[in-house]
Amino acid sequence: MQNDIANITAASVDELGVLLAQIADLEKKATAIKNAIKDSASAGGPKSIEGSLFKATYSESDRCVFDKDAFIKAFGAEAYAKYTKVTAVFSVKVTSR
C-alpha cells in the first residue's frame, strides 16, 4: 500500500478501523496468555516455556521512574521547565460510527 494522501478514501478509513479492531482483539488474547505465564512463573512454575515455533521466557526487573510532581514541589516549576523539551506529536484516532 502506498503512502499517498490522494489515495485516502472512506474505504481506507473503514479498513483502518477493521484492522485496528482485529489488532485490539489479538492484543487482548496475547495479554491473557502473557498474564497466565507471569502468574504461573511468579508462583514457582517454569520461567521458560518452549512451543513448537516460539519460546516464552518470564523475567523480573525493577523500573526507575522520574517523579515530576515531587521534583516541582522540591525545586519549582521553573527548574522543571528549564529542562523540559517539547516536541510535536501527531496521531490518528479511529472511532466506530
Protein backbone atom coordinates (compact mmCIF):
# COMPACT_ATOMS: atom_id res chain seq x y z
CA MET A 1 0.00 0.00 0.00
CA GLN A 2 1.40 3.35 -0.99
CA ASN A 3 1.67 6.27 1.41
CA ASP A 4 -0.15 8.63 -0.96
CA ILE A 5 -2.58 11.17 0.50
CA ALA A 6 -4.59 11.23 -2.74
CA ASN A 7 -5.49 7.55 -2.28
CA ILE A 8 -7.15 8.00 1.12
CA THR A 9 -10.85 7.17 0.79
CA ALA A 10 -13.76 6.34 3.05
CA ALA A 11 -12.97 2.68 2.35
CA SER A 12 -9.41 3.26 3.57
CA VAL A 13 -10.72 4.65 6.85
CA ASP A 14 -13.11 1.70 7.24
CA GLU A 15 -10.27 -0.74 6.51
CA LEU A 16 -8.13 1.02 9.13
CA GLY A 17 -10.92 0.69 11.69
CA VAL A 18 -11.35 -3.02 10.97
CA LEU A 19 -7.58 -3.63 11.19
CA LEU A 20 -7.31 -1.74 14.49
CA ALA A 21 -10.23 -3.76 15.90
CA GLN A 22 -8.53 -7.01 14.86
CA ILE A 23 -5.27 -5.84 16.44
CA ALA A 24 -7.12 -4.98 19.67
CA ASP A 25 -8.64 -8.50 19.77
CA LEU A 26 -5.23 -10.08 19.15
CA GLU A 27 -3.58 -7.91 21.82
CA LYS A 28 -6.29 -8.93 24.31
CA LYS A 29 -5.59 -12.61 23.61
CA ALA A 30 -1.81 -12.10 23.82
CA THR A 31 -2.17 -10.23 27.12
CA ALA A 32 -4.23 -13.08 28.59
CA ILE A 33 -1.55 -15.61 27.63
CA LYS A 34 1.25 -13.37 28.97
CA ASN A 35 -0.63 -12.92 32.25
CA ALA A 36 -1.06 -16.69 32.59
CA ILE A 37 2.68 -17.19 32.02
CA LYS A 38 3.51 -14.43 34.56
CA ASP A 39 1.10 -15.84 37.15
CA SER A 40 2.49 -19.34 36.73
CA ALA A 41 6.15 -18.31 36.81
CA SER A 42 5.76 -15.95 39.77
CA ALA A 43 4.01 -18.76 41.68
CA GLY A 44 7.02 -21.05 41.22
CA GLY A 45 6.22 -22.53 37.83
CA PRO A 46 8.65 -22.68 34.92
CA LYS A 47 10.31 -19.40 33.91
CA SER A 48 10.66 -20.57 30.32
CA ILE A 49 8.19 -22.42 28.12
CA GLU A 50 9.01 -23.72 24.65
CA GLY A 51 6.43 -24.23 21.96
CA SER A 52 7.00 -25.74 18.53
CA LEU A 53 7.71 -22.34 16.98
CA PHE A 54 8.44 -19.92 19.82
CA LYS A 55 9.88 -19.76 23.32
CA ALA A 56 8.46 -17.55 26.09
CA THR A 57 10.69 -16.51 28.98
CA TYR A 58 9.50 -14.79 32.15
CA SER A 59 11.82 -12.28 33.78
CA GLU A 60 11.58 -9.71 36.55
CA SER A 61 13.25 -6.34 36.84
CA ASP A 62 12.94 -3.07 38.74
CA ARG A 63 11.92 0.10 36.96
CA CYS A 64 13.04 3.54 37.99
CA VAL A 65 10.71 6.44 37.15
CA PHE A 66 11.03 10.19 37.50
CA ASP A 67 8.52 11.79 39.91
CA LYS A 68 7.75 15.05 38.13
CA ASP A 69 5.35 16.31 40.81
CA ALA A 70 7.85 15.73 43.63
CA PHE A 71 10.57 17.50 41.59
CA ILE A 72 8.35 20.53 41.01
CA LYS A 73 7.41 20.61 44.69
CA ALA A 74 11.06 20.46 45.74
CA PHE A 75 12.66 22.71 43.09
CA GLY A 76 9.81 24.64 41.48
CA ALA A 77 8.10 24.67 38.11
CA GLU A 78 10.74 26.99 36.65
CA ALA A 79 13.51 24.47 37.28
CA TYR A 80 11.39 21.74 35.69
CA ALA A 81 10.55 23.90 32.67
CA LYS A 82 14.24 24.68 32.17
CA TYR A 83 14.91 21.02 31.39
CA THR A 84 11.66 20.18 29.63
CA LYS A 85 11.73 19.61 25.88
CA VAL A 86 8.58 19.98 23.80
CA THR A 87 8.17 18.06 20.56
CA ALA A 88 5.26 17.84 18.14
CA VAL A 89 3.30 14.61 18.24
CA PHE A 90 0.80 13.54 15.60
CA SER A 91 -1.79 10.81 15.86
CA VAL A 92 -4.81 9.40 14.07
CA LYS A 93 -7.76 8.39 16.23
CA VAL A 94 -10.28 5.96 14.78
CA THR A 95 -13.72 5.52 16.30
CA SER A 96 -16.68 3.41 15.20
CA ARG A 97 -19.70 5.17 13.76
